[in-house]
């Protein structure tokens, strides 16, 4: 069977990453969390006090950033920044509050898109993010765009934080998501938008297993079509 590229875009806390991980595991594909890459860059900028308004400083910093992914004992994927696991650190609120701002920087997006395309060169990947189907892989065989009700998204994100032992007020989570939506959809570089040929999946009222089953069904259909072509 011919391998394909599956691009999953959409708003924060719609279930993109968890769905992408499970779909990749079922299909035997590689999962790439593009959002984690921007979070890793954000963490590096925070720890090295990189000015977001200094292009020369940003370019120099990006030259020092190497991001990789490794499968952990629980069959999940951990993010590594320059050889060190940063999976827990990049999920903290201090990174969440900055990542959308860092993601608007042209130099950052150019560097990350280059890495992402290199990762997907051999196909057989599931990648989620904000511009995967529109910028990174515009020729992806399967493009999905995930949406969900704001309140549901906030509850999901709050639960994720609680699972990581981070207690955050729901109103603060909602405000953070709203700010990220605003920045992601209005930024000059690769704004969040639905690709014309993307299939919309509203996860508000469907169970996780249902959305995974739907994506796998769509993927298998595309795989069969690509193999016959």
N, C-alpha and C. Protein backbone atom coordinates (compact mmCIF):
# COMPACT_ATOMS: atom_id res chain seq x y z
N UNK A 1 0.83 -1.20 0.00
CA UNK A 1 0.00 0.00 0.00
C UNK A 1 0.87 1.26 0.00
N UNK A 2 0.49 2.22 -0.79
CA UNK A 2 1.24 3.47 -0.85
C UNK A 2 0.96 4.30 0.40
N UNK A 3 2.01 4.85 0.98
CA UNK A 3 1.86 5.68 2.17
C UNK A 3 1.42 7.08 1.79
N UNK A 4 0.63 7.69 2.67
CA UNK A 4 0.13 9.04 2.41
C UNK A 4 0.54 9.98 3.54
N UNK A 5 0.24 11.26 3.32
CA UNK A 5 0.44 12.28 4.35
C UNK A 5 -0.94 12.70 4.86
N UNK A 6 -1.11 12.68 6.18
CA UNK A 6 -2.37 13.11 6.79
C UNK A 6 -2.11 14.40 7.56
N UNK A 7 -2.77 15.46 7.15
CA UNK A 7 -2.60 16.78 7.77
C UNK A 7 -3.84 17.13 8.59
N UNK A 8 -3.65 17.36 9.89
CA UNK A 8 -4.77 17.71 10.77
C UNK A 8 -4.55 19.10 11.34
N UNK A 9 -5.39 20.04 10.93
CA UNK A 9 -5.33 21.41 11.43
C UNK A 9 -6.55 21.70 12.27
N UNK A 10 -6.53 22.85 12.95
CA UNK A 10 -7.69 23.23 13.73
C UNK A 10 -7.31 24.05 14.95
N UNK A 11 -8.32 24.40 15.70
CA UNK A 11 -8.13 25.25 16.87
C UNK A 11 -7.54 24.47 18.05
N UNK A 12 -7.00 25.21 18.99
CA UNK A 12 -6.42 24.62 20.19
C UNK A 12 -7.47 23.84 20.98
N UNK A 13 -7.05 22.69 21.53
CA UNK A 13 -7.89 21.88 22.42
C UNK A 13 -9.12 21.28 21.75
N UNK A 14 -9.00 20.99 20.45
CA UNK A 14 -10.08 20.31 19.74
C UNK A 14 -9.85 18.81 19.64
N UNK A 15 -8.71 18.36 20.15
CA UNK A 15 -8.40 16.94 20.11
C UNK A 15 -7.50 16.54 18.96
N UNK A 16 -6.83 17.52 18.34
CA UNK A 16 -5.97 17.24 17.18
C UNK A 16 -4.84 16.27 17.53
N UNK A 17 -4.10 16.61 18.57
CA UNK A 17 -2.90 15.83 18.91
C UNK A 17 -3.24 14.42 19.36
N UNK A 18 -4.22 14.29 20.25
CA UNK A 18 -4.58 12.96 20.76
C UNK A 18 -5.13 12.09 19.64
N UNK A 19 -5.92 12.69 18.76
CA UNK A 19 -6.47 11.94 17.62
C UNK A 19 -5.35 11.54 16.67
N UNK A 20 -4.46 12.49 16.36
CA UNK A 20 -3.36 12.23 15.43
C UNK A 20 -2.46 11.11 15.95
N UNK A 21 -2.17 11.12 17.25
CA UNK A 21 -1.32 10.08 17.85
C UNK A 21 -1.95 8.70 17.68
N UNK A 22 -3.24 8.61 17.99
CA UNK A 22 -3.92 7.32 17.93
C UNK A 22 -4.04 6.82 16.50
N UNK A 23 -4.36 7.72 15.59
CA UNK A 23 -4.49 7.35 14.18
C UNK A 23 -3.14 6.85 13.65
N UNK A 24 -2.08 7.55 14.00
CA UNK A 24 -0.74 7.15 13.56
C UNK A 24 -0.39 5.76 14.08
N UNK A 25 -0.73 5.49 15.34
CA UNK A 25 -0.45 4.18 15.94
C UNK A 25 -1.21 3.07 15.22
N UNK A 26 -2.47 3.33 14.89
CA UNK A 26 -3.30 2.33 14.22
C UNK A 26 -2.79 2.04 12.81
N UNK A 27 -2.38 3.09 12.10
CA UNK A 27 -1.91 2.93 10.72
C UNK A 27 -0.45 2.51 10.63
N UNK A 28 0.27 2.60 11.75
CA UNK A 28 1.70 2.31 11.71
C UNK A 28 2.49 3.45 11.10
N UNK A 29 1.95 4.67 11.22
CA UNK A 29 2.59 5.87 10.68
C UNK A 29 3.36 6.59 11.78
N UNK A 30 4.21 7.53 11.38
CA UNK A 30 4.89 8.38 12.35
C UNK A 30 3.99 9.55 12.70
N UNK A 31 3.97 9.91 13.98
CA UNK A 31 3.22 11.08 14.43
C UNK A 31 4.16 12.23 14.69
N UNK A 32 3.85 13.40 14.13
CA UNK A 32 4.67 14.59 14.35
C UNK A 32 3.79 15.72 14.88
N UNK A 33 4.10 16.17 16.07
CA UNK A 33 3.36 17.24 16.74
C UNK A 33 4.02 18.57 16.41
N UNK A 34 3.52 19.26 15.40
CA UNK A 34 4.14 20.52 14.99
C UNK A 34 4.00 21.57 16.09
N UNK A 35 2.90 21.50 16.85
CA UNK A 35 2.71 22.45 17.93
C UNK A 35 3.79 22.33 19.00
N UNK A 36 4.22 21.09 19.24
CA UNK A 36 5.29 20.86 20.22
C UNK A 36 6.59 21.49 19.76
N UNK A 37 6.79 21.55 18.44
CA UNK A 37 8.00 22.17 17.90
C UNK A 37 8.02 23.67 18.21
N UNK A 38 6.88 24.32 18.02
CA UNK A 38 6.79 25.76 18.33
C UNK A 38 6.89 25.99 19.84
N UNK A 39 6.36 25.05 20.61
CA UNK A 39 6.47 25.16 22.07
C UNK A 39 7.93 25.01 22.50
N UNK A 40 8.66 24.10 21.84
CA UNK A 40 10.07 23.91 22.18
C UNK A 40 10.88 25.17 21.86
N UNK A 41 10.58 25.79 20.74
CA UNK A 41 11.25 27.05 20.38
C UNK A 41 10.92 28.11 21.42
N UNK A 42 9.66 28.18 21.81
CA UNK A 42 9.23 29.15 22.82
C UNK A 42 9.97 28.94 24.13
N UNK A 43 10.08 27.69 24.55
CA UNK A 43 10.81 27.37 25.78
C UNK A 43 12.27 27.83 25.68
N UNK A 44 12.90 27.56 24.55
CA UNK A 44 14.29 27.98 24.35
C UNK A 44 14.41 29.50 24.43
N UNK A 45 13.48 30.20 23.79
CA UNK A 45 13.50 31.66 23.81
C UNK A 45 13.33 32.19 25.24
N UNK A 46 12.43 31.57 26.00
CA UNK A 46 12.20 32.00 27.38
C UNK A 46 13.44 31.77 28.24
N UNK A 47 14.03 30.59 28.10
CA UNK A 47 15.18 30.25 28.95
C UNK A 47 16.45 31.01 28.58
N UNK A 48 16.52 31.47 27.32
CA UNK A 48 17.71 32.20 26.88
C UNK A 48 17.44 33.69 26.69
N UNK A 49 16.26 34.13 27.14
CA UNK A 49 15.89 35.55 27.12
C UNK A 49 16.06 36.17 25.74
N UNK A 50 15.53 35.47 24.73
CA UNK A 50 15.61 35.95 23.35
C UNK A 50 14.54 37.02 23.11
N UNK A 51 14.94 38.14 22.58
CA UNK A 51 14.00 39.22 22.28
C UNK A 51 13.19 38.88 21.05
N UNK A 52 11.87 38.95 21.16
CA UNK A 52 11.00 38.61 20.04
C UNK A 52 10.95 39.71 18.99
N UNK A 53 11.61 40.83 19.24
CA UNK A 53 11.62 41.94 18.29
C UNK A 53 13.01 42.14 17.67
N UNK A 54 13.90 41.19 17.91
CA UNK A 54 15.26 41.28 17.38
C UNK A 54 15.51 40.14 16.40
N UNK A 55 15.30 40.36 15.08
CA UNK A 55 15.45 39.30 14.08
C UNK A 55 16.82 38.63 14.09
N UNK A 56 17.89 39.40 14.26
CA UNK A 56 19.23 38.82 14.27
C UNK A 56 19.41 37.86 15.44
N UNK A 57 18.89 38.25 16.59
CA UNK A 57 18.98 37.41 17.79
C UNK A 57 18.15 36.14 17.61
N UNK A 58 16.99 36.28 16.97
CA UNK A 58 16.11 35.13 16.72
C UNK A 58 16.76 34.14 15.77
N UNK A 59 17.31 34.65 14.67
CA UNK A 59 17.96 33.77 13.68
C UNK A 59 19.13 33.03 14.31
N UNK A 60 19.91 33.72 15.11
CA UNK A 60 21.06 33.10 15.78
C UNK A 60 20.58 32.00 16.73
N UNK A 61 19.48 32.27 17.45
CA UNK A 61 18.95 31.29 18.39
C UNK A 61 18.43 30.06 17.65
N UNK A 62 17.74 30.28 16.53
CA UNK A 62 17.17 29.18 15.76
C UNK A 62 18.26 28.23 15.24
N UNK A 63 19.43 28.78 14.98
CA UNK A 63 20.55 27.95 14.51
C UNK A 63 21.03 26.99 15.60
N UNK A 64 20.68 27.30 16.85
CA UNK A 64 21.10 26.46 17.98
C UNK A 64 20.01 25.48 18.41
N UNK A 65 18.88 25.49 17.73
CA UNK A 65 17.74 24.68 18.15
C UNK A 65 17.60 23.44 17.26
N UNK A 66 17.62 22.27 17.91
CA UNK A 66 17.43 21.00 17.20
C UNK A 66 16.33 20.23 17.92
N UNK A 67 15.25 19.95 17.21
CA UNK A 67 14.08 19.30 17.81
C UNK A 67 13.90 17.90 17.24
N UNK A 68 13.70 16.93 18.12
CA UNK A 68 13.44 15.55 17.70
C UNK A 68 12.30 14.98 18.54
N UNK A 69 11.77 13.86 18.07
CA UNK A 69 10.70 13.16 18.79
C UNK A 69 11.11 11.72 19.03
N UNK A 70 10.78 11.21 20.22
CA UNK A 70 11.08 9.82 20.54
C UNK A 70 9.86 9.17 21.18
N UNK A 71 9.64 7.91 20.86
CA UNK A 71 8.53 7.17 21.46
C UNK A 71 8.90 6.79 22.88
N UNK A 72 7.99 7.08 23.83
CA UNK A 72 8.26 6.76 25.23
C UNK A 72 7.71 5.38 25.59
N UNK A 73 8.00 4.87 26.80
CA UNK A 73 7.54 3.53 27.20
C UNK A 73 6.03 3.34 27.15
N UNK A 74 5.27 4.43 27.19
CA UNK A 74 3.81 4.34 27.14
C UNK A 74 3.28 4.44 25.72
N UNK A 75 4.19 4.35 24.75
CA UNK A 75 3.85 4.46 23.32
C UNK A 75 3.39 5.85 22.94
N UNK A 76 3.69 6.82 23.79
CA UNK A 76 3.44 8.21 23.46
C UNK A 76 4.68 8.79 22.80
N UNK A 77 4.62 10.06 22.44
CA UNK A 77 5.76 10.72 21.81
C UNK A 77 6.25 11.86 22.69
N UNK A 78 7.54 11.85 23.00
CA UNK A 78 8.14 12.92 23.79
C UNK A 78 8.96 13.84 22.89
N UNK A 79 8.94 15.11 23.24
CA UNK A 79 9.67 16.12 22.49
C UNK A 79 11.04 16.36 23.12
N UNK A 80 12.07 16.37 22.28
CA UNK A 80 13.43 16.60 22.76
C UNK A 80 13.99 17.87 22.14
N UNK A 81 14.54 18.73 22.98
CA UNK A 81 15.16 19.97 22.54
C UNK A 81 16.66 19.85 22.80
N UNK A 82 17.42 19.84 21.72
CA UNK A 82 18.88 19.69 21.82
C UNK A 82 19.28 18.50 22.69
N UNK A 83 18.57 17.39 22.47
CA UNK A 83 18.91 16.14 23.14
C UNK A 83 18.29 15.93 24.51
N UNK A 84 17.58 16.93 25.03
CA UNK A 84 16.96 16.81 26.36
C UNK A 84 15.44 16.77 26.24
N UNK A 85 14.81 15.89 27.01
CA UNK A 85 13.35 15.80 26.99
C UNK A 85 12.74 17.05 27.62
N UNK A 86 11.85 17.70 26.89
CA UNK A 86 11.20 18.92 27.39
C UNK A 86 9.68 18.77 27.36
N UNK A 87 9.21 17.53 27.25
CA UNK A 87 7.78 17.28 27.09
C UNK A 87 6.94 17.93 28.19
N UNK A 88 7.38 17.82 29.45
CA UNK A 88 6.61 18.40 30.55
C UNK A 88 6.70 19.92 30.55
N UNK A 89 7.89 20.43 30.32
CA UNK A 89 8.10 21.88 30.37
C UNK A 89 7.31 22.63 29.30
N UNK A 90 7.24 22.07 28.09
CA UNK A 90 6.58 22.80 27.00
C UNK A 90 5.06 22.82 27.16
N UNK A 91 4.52 22.03 28.07
CA UNK A 91 3.06 22.00 28.28
C UNK A 91 2.61 22.94 29.39
N UNK A 92 3.55 23.60 30.05
CA UNK A 92 3.20 24.49 31.14
C UNK A 92 2.62 25.82 30.63
N UNK A 93 1.86 26.48 31.50
CA UNK A 93 1.15 27.70 31.10
C UNK A 93 2.09 28.81 30.64
N UNK A 94 3.28 28.89 31.22
CA UNK A 94 4.20 29.97 30.82
C UNK A 94 4.57 29.83 29.35
N UNK A 95 4.63 28.61 28.84
CA UNK A 95 4.89 28.39 27.42
C UNK A 95 3.60 28.62 26.62
N UNK A 96 2.47 28.13 27.13
CA UNK A 96 1.19 28.32 26.45
C UNK A 96 0.86 29.79 26.24
N UNK A 97 1.25 30.61 27.20
CA UNK A 97 0.96 32.04 27.12
C UNK A 97 1.84 32.78 26.10
N UNK A 98 2.92 32.14 25.67
CA UNK A 98 3.86 32.79 24.76
C UNK A 98 3.92 32.17 23.37
N UNK A 99 3.48 30.92 23.25
CA UNK A 99 3.72 30.18 22.01
C UNK A 99 3.08 30.82 20.78
N UNK A 100 1.89 31.37 20.91
CA UNK A 100 1.26 31.98 19.74
C UNK A 100 2.03 33.21 19.26
N UNK A 101 2.59 33.97 20.20
CA UNK A 101 3.39 35.14 19.83
C UNK A 101 4.66 34.71 19.09
N UNK A 102 5.30 33.68 19.61
CA UNK A 102 6.52 33.17 18.96
C UNK A 102 6.17 32.62 17.58
N UNK A 103 5.01 31.99 17.46
CA UNK A 103 4.61 31.38 16.20
C UNK A 103 4.31 32.40 15.11
N UNK A 104 4.12 33.66 15.48
CA UNK A 104 3.85 34.69 14.46
C UNK A 104 5.13 35.17 13.77
N UNK A 105 6.27 34.84 14.34
CA UNK A 105 7.55 35.35 13.82
C UNK A 105 7.95 34.60 12.54
N UNK A 106 8.16 35.34 11.47
CA UNK A 106 8.44 34.75 10.16
C UNK A 106 9.63 33.80 10.20
N UNK A 107 10.71 34.24 10.83
CA UNK A 107 11.92 33.42 10.87
C UNK A 107 11.68 32.08 11.56
N UNK A 108 10.84 32.10 12.60
CA UNK A 108 10.51 30.87 13.32
C UNK A 108 9.71 29.93 12.43
N UNK A 109 8.72 30.46 11.75
CA UNK A 109 7.87 29.63 10.90
C UNK A 109 8.65 29.03 9.74
N UNK A 110 9.52 29.82 9.14
CA UNK A 110 10.34 29.32 8.03
C UNK A 110 11.20 28.15 8.50
N UNK A 111 11.82 28.31 9.66
CA UNK A 111 12.70 27.27 10.20
C UNK A 111 11.93 26.00 10.54
N UNK A 112 10.75 26.15 11.15
CA UNK A 112 9.96 24.98 11.55
C UNK A 112 9.35 24.27 10.34
N UNK A 113 8.87 25.02 9.37
CA UNK A 113 8.29 24.41 8.16
C UNK A 113 9.35 23.60 7.42
N UNK A 114 10.55 24.13 7.37
CA UNK A 114 11.65 23.41 6.73
C UNK A 114 11.91 22.07 7.43
N UNK A 115 11.93 22.10 8.77
CA UNK A 115 12.14 20.86 9.52
C UNK A 115 10.98 19.88 9.32
N UNK A 116 9.75 20.41 9.33
CA UNK A 116 8.56 19.56 9.19
C UNK A 116 8.52 18.88 7.83
N UNK A 117 8.84 19.62 6.78
CA UNK A 117 8.85 19.03 5.43
C UNK A 117 9.93 17.95 5.32
N UNK A 118 11.04 18.18 5.98
CA UNK A 118 12.11 17.19 5.96
C UNK A 118 11.66 15.91 6.67
N UNK A 119 10.92 16.08 7.78
CA UNK A 119 10.42 14.92 8.53
C UNK A 119 9.42 14.11 7.71
N UNK A 120 8.67 14.80 6.85
CA UNK A 120 7.62 14.12 6.09
C UNK A 120 8.03 13.70 4.70
N UNK A 121 9.30 13.81 4.40
CA UNK A 121 9.78 13.52 3.05
C UNK A 121 9.47 12.09 2.61
N UNK A 122 9.54 11.14 3.55
CA UNK A 122 9.30 9.74 3.20
C UNK A 122 7.84 9.34 3.35
N UNK A 123 6.97 10.31 3.65
CA UNK A 123 5.53 10.09 3.77
C UNK A 123 5.22 9.14 4.93
N UNK A 124 4.01 8.63 4.98
CA UNK A 124 3.63 7.76 6.09
C UNK A 124 3.63 8.48 7.41
N UNK A 125 3.09 9.72 7.42
CA UNK A 125 3.08 10.52 8.64
C UNK A 125 1.69 11.09 8.92
N UNK A 126 1.44 11.38 10.18
CA UNK A 126 0.26 12.13 10.60
C UNK A 126 0.81 13.34 11.35
N UNK A 127 0.54 14.53 10.84
CA UNK A 127 1.05 15.75 11.46
C UNK A 127 -0.11 16.68 11.78
N UNK A 128 -0.10 17.22 12.98
CA UNK A 128 -1.16 18.15 13.35
C UNK A 128 -0.57 19.52 13.65
N UNK A 129 -1.40 20.55 13.47
CA UNK A 129 -0.93 21.91 13.73
C UNK A 129 -1.94 22.96 13.30
N UNK A 130 -1.42 24.08 12.80
CA UNK A 130 -2.28 25.19 12.38
C UNK A 130 -2.22 25.44 10.87
N UNK A 131 -1.10 25.04 10.24
CA UNK A 131 -0.92 25.34 8.82
C UNK A 131 -0.39 24.14 8.04
N UNK A 132 -0.70 22.94 8.51
CA UNK A 132 -0.14 21.75 7.89
C UNK A 132 -0.73 21.52 6.50
N UNK A 133 -2.04 21.62 6.39
CA UNK A 133 -2.69 21.39 5.11
C UNK A 133 -2.64 22.57 4.16
N UNK A 134 -2.35 23.76 4.69
CA UNK A 134 -2.33 24.95 3.84
C UNK A 134 -0.92 25.37 3.43
N UNK A 135 0.07 25.11 4.29
CA UNK A 135 1.44 25.59 4.02
C UNK A 135 2.47 24.45 3.98
N UNK A 136 2.50 23.65 5.03
CA UNK A 136 3.55 22.63 5.14
C UNK A 136 3.37 21.53 4.09
N UNK A 137 2.16 20.95 4.03
CA UNK A 137 1.88 19.90 3.06
C UNK A 137 0.58 20.21 2.30
N UNK A 138 0.61 21.20 1.42
CA UNK A 138 -0.61 21.56 0.67
C UNK A 138 -1.10 20.45 -0.26
N UNK A 139 -0.22 19.48 -0.57
CA UNK A 139 -0.60 18.36 -1.45
C UNK A 139 -0.92 17.09 -0.66
N UNK A 140 -1.09 17.22 0.66
CA UNK A 140 -1.41 16.05 1.49
C UNK A 140 -2.66 15.35 0.97
N UNK A 141 -2.64 14.02 0.96
CA UNK A 141 -3.78 13.27 0.43
C UNK A 141 -5.02 13.42 1.30
N UNK A 142 -4.82 13.56 2.61
CA UNK A 142 -5.97 13.72 3.52
C UNK A 142 -5.75 14.93 4.41
N UNK A 143 -6.67 15.89 4.31
CA UNK A 143 -6.60 17.10 5.14
C UNK A 143 -7.86 17.17 6.00
N UNK A 144 -7.65 17.41 7.27
CA UNK A 144 -8.77 17.51 8.21
C UNK A 144 -8.68 18.85 8.94
N UNK A 145 -9.83 19.38 9.31
CA UNK A 145 -9.87 20.63 10.08
C UNK A 145 -10.81 20.40 11.25
N UNK A 146 -10.25 20.43 12.47
CA UNK A 146 -11.03 20.11 13.66
C UNK A 146 -11.49 21.36 14.41
N UNK A 147 -12.75 21.33 14.83
CA UNK A 147 -13.34 22.44 15.58
C UNK A 147 -14.09 21.87 16.77
N UNK A 148 -14.41 22.74 17.74
CA UNK A 148 -15.21 22.33 18.91
C UNK A 148 -15.69 23.59 19.63
N UNK A 149 -16.72 23.43 20.43
CA UNK A 149 -17.26 24.53 21.24
C UNK A 149 -16.20 25.03 22.23
N UNK A 150 -16.16 26.35 22.44
CA UNK A 150 -15.16 26.96 23.30
C UNK A 150 -15.17 26.38 24.72
N UNK A 151 -16.36 26.22 25.31
CA UNK A 151 -16.45 25.71 26.68
C UNK A 151 -15.90 24.29 26.76
N UNK A 152 -16.21 23.49 25.78
CA UNK A 152 -15.71 22.11 25.74
C UNK A 152 -14.19 22.10 25.60
N UNK A 153 -13.69 22.96 24.75
CA UNK A 153 -12.23 23.05 24.56
C UNK A 153 -11.54 23.46 25.86
N UNK A 154 -12.14 24.39 26.57
CA UNK A 154 -11.55 24.87 27.83
C UNK A 154 -11.53 23.76 28.89
N UNK A 155 -12.62 23.02 29.00
CA UNK A 155 -12.66 21.91 29.96
C UNK A 155 -11.59 20.87 29.63
N UNK A 156 -11.44 20.58 28.34
CA UNK A 156 -10.43 19.60 27.92
C UNK A 156 -9.03 20.07 28.27
N UNK A 157 -8.74 21.34 27.98
CA UNK A 157 -7.41 21.86 28.26
C UNK A 157 -7.15 21.90 29.76
N UNK A 158 -8.17 22.28 30.55
CA UNK A 158 -8.01 22.30 32.00
C UNK A 158 -7.71 20.90 32.53
N UNK A 159 -8.38 19.89 31.98
CA UNK A 159 -8.14 18.51 32.40
C UNK A 159 -6.71 18.09 32.04
N UNK A 160 -6.24 18.47 30.86
CA UNK A 160 -4.86 18.16 30.46
C UNK A 160 -3.88 18.74 31.47
N UNK A 161 -4.13 19.97 31.89
CA UNK A 161 -3.25 20.62 32.85
C UNK A 161 -3.31 19.93 34.22
N UNK A 162 -4.52 19.56 34.63
CA UNK A 162 -4.68 18.86 35.91
C UNK A 162 -3.94 17.51 35.89
N UNK A 163 -3.99 16.84 34.73
CA UNK A 163 -3.30 15.56 34.59
C UNK A 163 -1.79 15.73 34.72
N UNK A 164 -1.32 16.97 34.49
CA UNK A 164 0.10 17.27 34.64
C UNK A 164 0.37 18.00 35.96
N UNK A 165 -0.60 17.89 36.88
CA UNK A 165 -0.49 18.50 38.21
C UNK A 165 -0.40 20.02 38.17
N UNK A 166 -1.08 20.62 37.19
CA UNK A 166 -1.13 22.08 37.11
C UNK A 166 -2.58 22.54 37.33
N UNK A 167 -2.80 23.27 38.42
CA UNK A 167 -4.13 23.76 38.74
C UNK A 167 -4.31 25.16 38.14
N UNK A 168 -5.18 25.27 37.13
CA UNK A 168 -5.41 26.55 36.46
C UNK A 168 -6.90 26.83 36.43
N UNK A 169 -7.30 28.04 36.81
CA UNK A 169 -8.70 28.43 36.83
C UNK A 169 -9.29 28.35 35.42
N UNK A 170 -10.53 27.88 35.31
CA UNK A 170 -11.16 27.69 34.01
C UNK A 170 -11.25 29.00 33.23
N UNK A 171 -11.54 30.11 33.90
CA UNK A 171 -11.62 31.40 33.21
C UNK A 171 -10.27 31.79 32.60
N UNK A 172 -9.20 31.44 33.29
CA UNK A 172 -7.86 31.73 32.75
C UNK A 172 -7.58 30.87 31.52
N UNK A 173 -8.05 29.64 31.56
CA UNK A 173 -7.86 28.74 30.41
C UNK A 173 -8.63 29.28 29.20
N UNK A 174 -9.88 29.70 29.44
CA UNK A 174 -10.72 30.25 28.36
C UNK A 174 -10.07 31.48 27.75
N UNK A 175 -9.55 32.35 28.59
CA UNK A 175 -8.91 33.57 28.11
C UNK A 175 -7.67 33.25 27.28
N UNK A 176 -6.90 32.28 27.75
CA UNK A 176 -5.70 31.87 27.01
C UNK A 176 -6.07 31.32 25.63
N UNK A 177 -7.10 30.48 25.58
CA UNK A 177 -7.53 29.90 24.30
C UNK A 177 -8.04 30.99 23.37
N UNK A 178 -8.80 31.95 23.90
CA UNK A 178 -9.32 33.04 23.06
C UNK A 178 -8.18 33.88 22.48
N UNK A 179 -7.20 34.17 23.30
CA UNK A 179 -6.06 34.94 22.83
C UNK A 179 -5.30 34.19 21.76
N UNK A 180 -5.12 32.89 21.96
CA UNK A 180 -4.41 32.08 20.97
C UNK A 180 -5.18 32.02 19.66
N UNK A 181 -6.51 31.87 19.75
CA UNK A 181 -7.34 31.86 18.54
C UNK A 181 -7.18 33.16 17.76
N UNK A 182 -7.21 34.27 18.48
CA UNK A 182 -7.09 35.59 17.87
C UNK A 182 -5.75 35.74 17.15
N UNK A 183 -4.68 35.37 17.84
CA UNK A 183 -3.34 35.49 17.25
C UNK A 183 -3.17 34.52 16.09
N UNK A 184 -3.62 33.27 16.28
CA UNK A 184 -3.43 32.25 15.25
C UNK A 184 -4.17 32.57 13.95
N UNK A 185 -5.35 33.17 14.06
CA UNK A 185 -6.17 33.42 12.87
C UNK A 185 -5.87 34.75 12.19
N UNK A 186 -5.16 35.64 12.87
CA UNK A 186 -4.91 36.97 12.30
C UNK A 186 -3.44 37.25 12.00
N UNK A 187 -2.55 36.33 12.34
CA UNK A 187 -1.12 36.57 12.11
C UNK A 187 -0.84 36.67 10.60
N UNK A 188 0.19 37.41 10.26
CA UNK A 188 0.55 37.61 8.85
C UNK A 188 1.15 36.34 8.24
N UNK A 189 1.94 35.61 9.03
CA UNK A 189 2.60 34.42 8.53
C UNK A 189 1.77 33.16 8.80
N UNK A 190 1.34 32.52 7.73
CA UNK A 190 0.63 31.22 7.82
C UNK A 190 -0.48 31.22 8.86
N UNK A 191 -1.48 32.07 8.71
CA UNK A 191 -2.57 32.09 9.69
C UNK A 191 -3.37 30.79 9.67
N UNK A 192 -4.00 30.49 10.80
CA UNK A 192 -4.86 29.32 10.89
C UNK A 192 -6.08 29.53 9.99
N UNK A 193 -6.25 28.65 9.04
CA UNK A 193 -7.44 28.68 8.19
C UNK A 193 -7.68 27.28 7.63
N UNK A 194 -8.91 27.05 7.24
CA UNK A 194 -9.28 25.75 6.70
C UNK A 194 -8.88 25.64 5.24
N UNK A 195 -8.16 24.60 4.88
CA UNK A 195 -7.83 24.37 3.47
C UNK A 195 -9.12 24.08 2.71
N UNK A 196 -9.18 24.49 1.46
CA UNK A 196 -10.40 24.34 0.67
C UNK A 196 -10.85 22.88 0.57
N UNK A 197 -9.88 21.96 0.52
CA UNK A 197 -10.22 20.55 0.37
C UNK A 197 -10.16 19.77 1.69
N UNK A 198 -10.18 20.50 2.80
CA UNK A 198 -10.14 19.84 4.12
C UNK A 198 -11.54 19.39 4.54
N UNK A 199 -11.59 18.28 5.24
CA UNK A 199 -12.85 17.77 5.79
C UNK A 199 -12.97 18.26 7.23
N UNK A 200 -14.08 18.90 7.56
CA UNK A 200 -14.29 19.45 8.90
C UNK A 200 -14.84 18.36 9.83
N UNK A 201 -14.22 18.27 11.00
CA UNK A 201 -14.70 17.35 12.03
C UNK A 201 -14.96 18.14 13.30
N UNK A 202 -16.23 18.21 13.71
CA UNK A 202 -16.61 18.91 14.94
C UNK A 202 -16.59 17.89 16.08
N UNK A 203 -15.68 18.09 17.03
CA UNK A 203 -15.50 17.11 18.11
C UNK A 203 -16.29 17.44 19.37
N UNK A 204 -17.16 18.44 19.30
CA UNK A 204 -17.89 18.89 20.49
C UNK A 204 -18.70 17.77 21.14
N UNK A 205 -19.43 17.03 20.32
CA UNK A 205 -20.37 16.05 20.87
C UNK A 205 -20.04 14.60 20.50
N UNK A 206 -18.82 14.33 20.07
CA UNK A 206 -18.48 12.95 19.74
C UNK A 206 -17.37 12.45 20.65
N UNK A 207 -17.41 11.17 20.94
CA UNK A 207 -16.42 10.54 21.81
C UNK A 207 -15.09 10.44 21.07
N UNK A 208 -14.03 10.34 21.85
CA UNK A 208 -12.69 10.26 21.26
C UNK A 208 -12.57 9.08 20.30
N UNK A 209 -13.06 7.91 20.71
CA UNK A 209 -12.97 6.72 19.85
C UNK A 209 -13.69 6.94 18.52
N UNK A 210 -14.79 7.69 18.57
CA UNK A 210 -15.56 7.94 17.36
C UNK A 210 -14.78 8.80 16.37
N UNK A 211 -14.11 9.84 16.89
CA UNK A 211 -13.37 10.71 15.98
C UNK A 211 -12.15 9.98 15.41
N UNK A 212 -11.53 9.12 16.22
CA UNK A 212 -10.40 8.33 15.72
C UNK A 212 -10.88 7.38 14.62
N UNK A 213 -11.99 6.69 14.87
CA UNK A 213 -12.54 5.75 13.88
C UNK A 213 -12.85 6.46 12.56
N UNK A 214 -13.39 7.67 12.65
CA UNK A 214 -13.75 8.43 11.45
C UNK A 214 -12.51 8.81 10.65
N UNK A 215 -11.47 9.25 11.34
CA UNK A 215 -10.23 9.64 10.66
C UNK A 215 -9.56 8.42 10.03
N UNK A 216 -9.54 7.30 10.75
CA UNK A 216 -8.95 6.07 10.20
C UNK A 216 -9.72 5.62 8.96
N UNK A 217 -11.04 5.71 9.01
CA UNK A 217 -11.86 5.33 7.85
C UNK A 217 -11.52 6.20 6.64
N UNK A 218 -11.43 7.50 6.87
CA UNK A 218 -11.10 8.43 5.78
C UNK A 218 -9.69 8.16 5.25
N UNK A 219 -8.77 7.87 6.16
CA UNK A 219 -7.38 7.60 5.78
C UNK A 219 -7.27 6.34 4.92
N UNK A 220 -7.94 5.28 5.35
CA UNK A 220 -7.88 4.01 4.61
C UNK A 220 -8.44 4.18 3.20
N UNK A 221 -9.48 4.98 3.09
CA UNK A 221 -10.07 5.25 1.77
C UNK A 221 -9.06 5.96 0.86
N UNK A 222 -8.34 6.93 1.44
CA UNK A 222 -7.34 7.67 0.67
C UNK A 222 -6.14 6.78 0.31
N UNK A 223 -5.77 5.91 1.24
CA UNK A 223 -4.64 5.01 1.01
C UNK A 223 -4.96 4.06 -0.15
N UNK A 224 -6.16 3.54 -0.17
CA UNK A 224 -6.59 2.64 -1.25
C UNK A 224 -6.58 3.38 -2.59
N UNK A 225 -7.13 4.61 -2.58
CA UNK A 225 -7.17 5.42 -3.80
C UNK A 225 -5.76 5.74 -4.31
N UNK A 226 -4.86 6.10 -3.36
CA UNK A 226 -3.49 6.44 -3.75
C UNK A 226 -2.75 5.23 -4.29
N UNK A 227 -3.05 4.05 -3.76
CA UNK A 227 -2.38 2.82 -4.21
C UNK A 227 -2.84 2.40 -5.60
N UNK A 228 -4.06 2.76 -5.93
CA UNK A 228 -4.61 2.40 -7.25
C UNK A 228 -4.17 3.38 -8.34
N UNK A 229 -3.78 4.59 -7.90
CA UNK A 229 -3.44 5.62 -8.89
C UNK A 229 -2.17 5.28 -9.67
